[in-house]
Amino acid sequence: MYLSPEIKKKIFKEHGEKEENTGSPESQIALFTHRITHLTEHLKQNKKDLNTRRSLVLLVNKRRKLLNYLKDNDIERYRAIIKKLKLRK
């Protein structure tokens, strides 16, 4: 499995304030970003995998909604997470 509990804890510790902070927008965006990069690499190898392509689109939309939420409520946190994860605006 590509997303083990250790990887999740590491992501939550880096982007949330602590490992238990799994619900913050920053940690969720970081988790979605990790999953998106994994699925993107998978699709480079398997171009006809339509189920994975659909899952990728759904994840990108979820991440976009969270980014829009952060942008509307706290622009500084939004800018910080964009810079930290090196996402395009």
C-alpha atoms as a PDB file:
ATOM      1  CA  MET A   1       0.000   0.000   0.000  1.00  0.00           C
ATOM      2  CA  TYR A   2       1.458   3.344  -1.017  1.00  0.00           C
ATOM      3  CA  LEU A   3      -0.075   5.351   1.840  1.00  0.00           C
ATOM      4  CA  SER A   4       0.977   3.663   5.052  1.00  0.00           C
ATOM      5  CA  PRO A   5       0.091   5.040   8.503  1.00  0.00           C
ATOM      6  CA  GLU A   6       3.707   6.156   8.946  1.00  0.00           C
ATOM      7  CA  ILE A   7       3.557   8.289   5.807  1.00  0.00           C
ATOM      8  CA  LYS A   8       0.257   9.811   6.917  1.00  0.00           C
ATOM      9  CA  LYS A   9       1.679  10.649  10.356  1.00  0.00           C
ATOM     10  CA  LYS A  10       4.715  12.253   8.727  1.00  0.00           C
ATOM     11  CA  ILE A  11       2.508  14.372   6.440  1.00  0.00           C
ATOM     12  CA  PHE A  12       0.251  15.432   9.323  1.00  0.00           C
ATOM     13  CA  LYS A  13       3.252  16.272  11.506  1.00  0.00           C
ATOM     14  CA  GLU A  14       4.860  18.410   8.788  1.00  0.00           C
ATOM     15  CA  HIS A  15       1.780  20.316   7.695  1.00  0.00           C
ATOM     16  CA  GLY A  16      -0.485  20.183  10.722  1.00  0.00           C
ATOM     17  CA  GLU A  17       0.721  21.353  14.075  1.00  0.00           C
ATOM     18  CA  LYS A  18       1.026  17.777  15.374  1.00  0.00           C
ATOM     19  CA  GLU A  19       0.302  14.202  14.298  1.00  0.00           C
ATOM     20  CA  GLU A  20      -3.193  14.201  15.792  1.00  0.00           C
ATOM     21  CA  ASN A  21      -4.230  17.296  13.822  1.00  0.00           C
ATOM     22  CA  THR A  22      -5.638  15.378  10.868  1.00  0.00           C
ATOM     23  CA  GLY A  23      -8.574  17.641  10.098  1.00  0.00           C
ATOM     24  CA  SER A  24      -6.847  20.950   9.455  1.00  0.00           C
ATOM     25  CA  PRO A  25      -7.104  22.196   5.874  1.00  0.00           C
ATOM     26  CA  GLU A  26      -3.322  22.337   5.542  1.00  0.00           C
ATOM     27  CA  SER A  27      -2.842  18.695   6.484  1.00  0.00           C
ATOM     28  CA  GLN A  28      -5.717  17.564   4.256  1.00  0.00           C
ATOM     29  CA  ILE A  29      -4.330  19.541   1.303  1.00  0.00           C
ATOM     30  CA  ALA A  30      -0.893  18.005   1.880  1.00  0.00           C
ATOM     31  CA  LEU A  31      -2.399  14.509   2.020  1.00  0.00           C
ATOM     32  CA  PHE A  32      -4.378  15.096  -1.184  1.00  0.00           C
ATOM     33  CA  THR A  33      -1.242  16.448  -2.873  1.00  0.00           C
ATOM     34  CA  HIS A  34       0.698  13.319  -1.944  1.00  0.00           C
ATOM     35  CA  ARG A  35      -2.072  11.105  -3.325  1.00  0.00           C
ATOM     36  CA  ILE A  36      -2.350  13.224  -6.491  1.00  0.00           C
ATOM     37  CA  THR A  37       1.360  12.875  -7.244  1.00  0.00           C
ATOM     38  CA  HIS A  38       1.143   9.118  -6.707  1.00  0.00           C
ATOM     39  CA  LEU A  39      -1.845   8.773  -9.047  1.00  0.00           C
ATOM     40  CA  THR A  40      -0.182  10.992 -11.643  1.00  0.00           C
ATOM     41  CA  GLU A  41       2.858   8.703 -11.702  1.00  0.00           C
ATOM     42  CA  HIS A  42       0.569   5.685 -12.021  1.00  0.00           C
ATOM     43  CA  LEU A  43      -1.249   7.246 -14.967  1.00  0.00           C
ATOM     44  CA  LYS A  44       2.016   7.925 -16.763  1.00  0.00           C
ATOM     45  CA  GLN A  45       2.553   4.162 -16.860  1.00  0.00           C
ATOM     46  CA  ASN A  46      -1.104   3.162 -17.417  1.00  0.00           C
ATOM     47  CA  LYS A  47      -2.637   5.641 -19.805  1.00  0.00           C
ATOM     48  CA  LYS A  48      -5.913   3.752 -20.295  1.00  0.00           C
ATOM     49  CA  ASP A  49      -6.790   3.375 -16.620  1.00  0.00           C
ATOM     50  CA  LEU A  50      -9.986   5.420 -16.629  1.00  0.00           C
ATOM     51  CA  ASN A  51     -11.008   4.623 -13.039  1.00  0.00           C
ATOM     52  CA  THR A  52      -7.764   6.056 -11.722  1.00  0.00           C
ATOM     53  CA  ARG A  53      -8.159   9.089 -13.971  1.00  0.00           C
ATOM     54  CA  ARG A  54     -11.608   9.718 -12.495  1.00  0.00           C
ATOM     55  CA  SER A  55     -10.241   9.341  -8.959  1.00  0.00           C
ATOM     56  CA  LEU A  56      -7.493  11.803  -9.786  1.00  0.00           C
ATOM     57  CA  VAL A  57      -9.991  14.385 -11.033  1.00  0.00           C
ATOM     58  CA  LEU A  58     -12.085  13.956  -7.868  1.00  0.00           C
ATOM     59  CA  LEU A  59      -9.024  14.433  -5.653  1.00  0.00           C
ATOM     60  CA  VAL A  60      -7.940  17.544  -7.526  1.00  0.00           C
ATOM     61  CA  ASN A  61     -11.429  18.989  -7.078  1.00  0.00           C
ATOM     62  CA  LYS A  62     -11.438  18.208  -3.350  1.00  0.00           C
ATOM     63  CA  ARG A  63      -8.056  19.901  -2.966  1.00  0.00           C
ATOM     64  CA  ARG A  64      -9.271  22.910  -4.959  1.00  0.00           C
ATOM     65  CA  LYS A  65     -12.317  23.271  -2.692  1.00  0.00           C
ATOM     66  CA  LEU A  66     -10.128  23.215   0.418  1.00  0.00           C
ATOM     67  CA  LEU A  67      -7.753  25.752  -1.133  1.00  0.00           C
ATOM     68  CA  ASN A  68     -10.680  28.026  -1.972  1.00  0.00           C
ATOM     69  CA  TYR A  69     -11.928  27.691   1.620  1.00  0.00           C
ATOM     70  CA  LEU A  70      -8.523  28.702   2.972  1.00  0.00           C
ATOM     71  CA  LYS A  71      -8.244  31.546   0.487  1.00  0.00           C
ATOM     72  CA  ASP A  72     -11.627  32.960   1.554  1.00  0.00           C
ATOM     73  CA  ASN A  73     -11.074  32.599   5.308  1.00  0.00           C
ATOM     74  CA  ASP A  74      -7.340  33.064   5.917  1.00  0.00           C
ATOM     75  CA  ILE A  75      -5.248  34.316   3.013  1.00  0.00           C
ATOM     76  CA  GLU A  76      -1.944  34.032   4.908  1.00  0.00           C
ATOM     77  CA  ARG A  77      -2.429  30.318   5.610  1.00  0.00           C
ATOM     78  CA  TYR A  78      -3.391  29.869   1.950  1.00  0.00           C
ATOM     79  CA  ARG A  79      -0.221  31.568   0.733  1.00  0.00           C
ATOM     80  CA  ALA A  80       1.888  29.554   3.176  1.00  0.00           C
ATOM     81  CA  ILE A  81       0.526  26.183   2.052  1.00  0.00           C
ATOM     82  CA  ILE A  82       0.830  27.118  -1.644  1.00  0.00           C
ATOM     83  CA  LYS A  83       4.455  28.078  -1.090  1.00  0.00           C
ATOM     84  CA  LYS A  84       5.247  25.053   1.078  1.00  0.00           C
ATOM     85  CA  LEU A  85       3.776  22.500  -1.343  1.00  0.00           C
ATOM     86  CA  LYS A  86       4.931  24.410  -4.457  1.00  0.00           C
ATOM     87  CA  LEU A  87       1.462  24.419  -6.021  1.00  0.00           C
ATOM     88  CA  ARG A  88       0.396  26.588  -8.913  1.00  0.00           C
ATOM     89  CA  LYS A  89      -2.225  29.191  -8.143  1.00  0.00           C
END
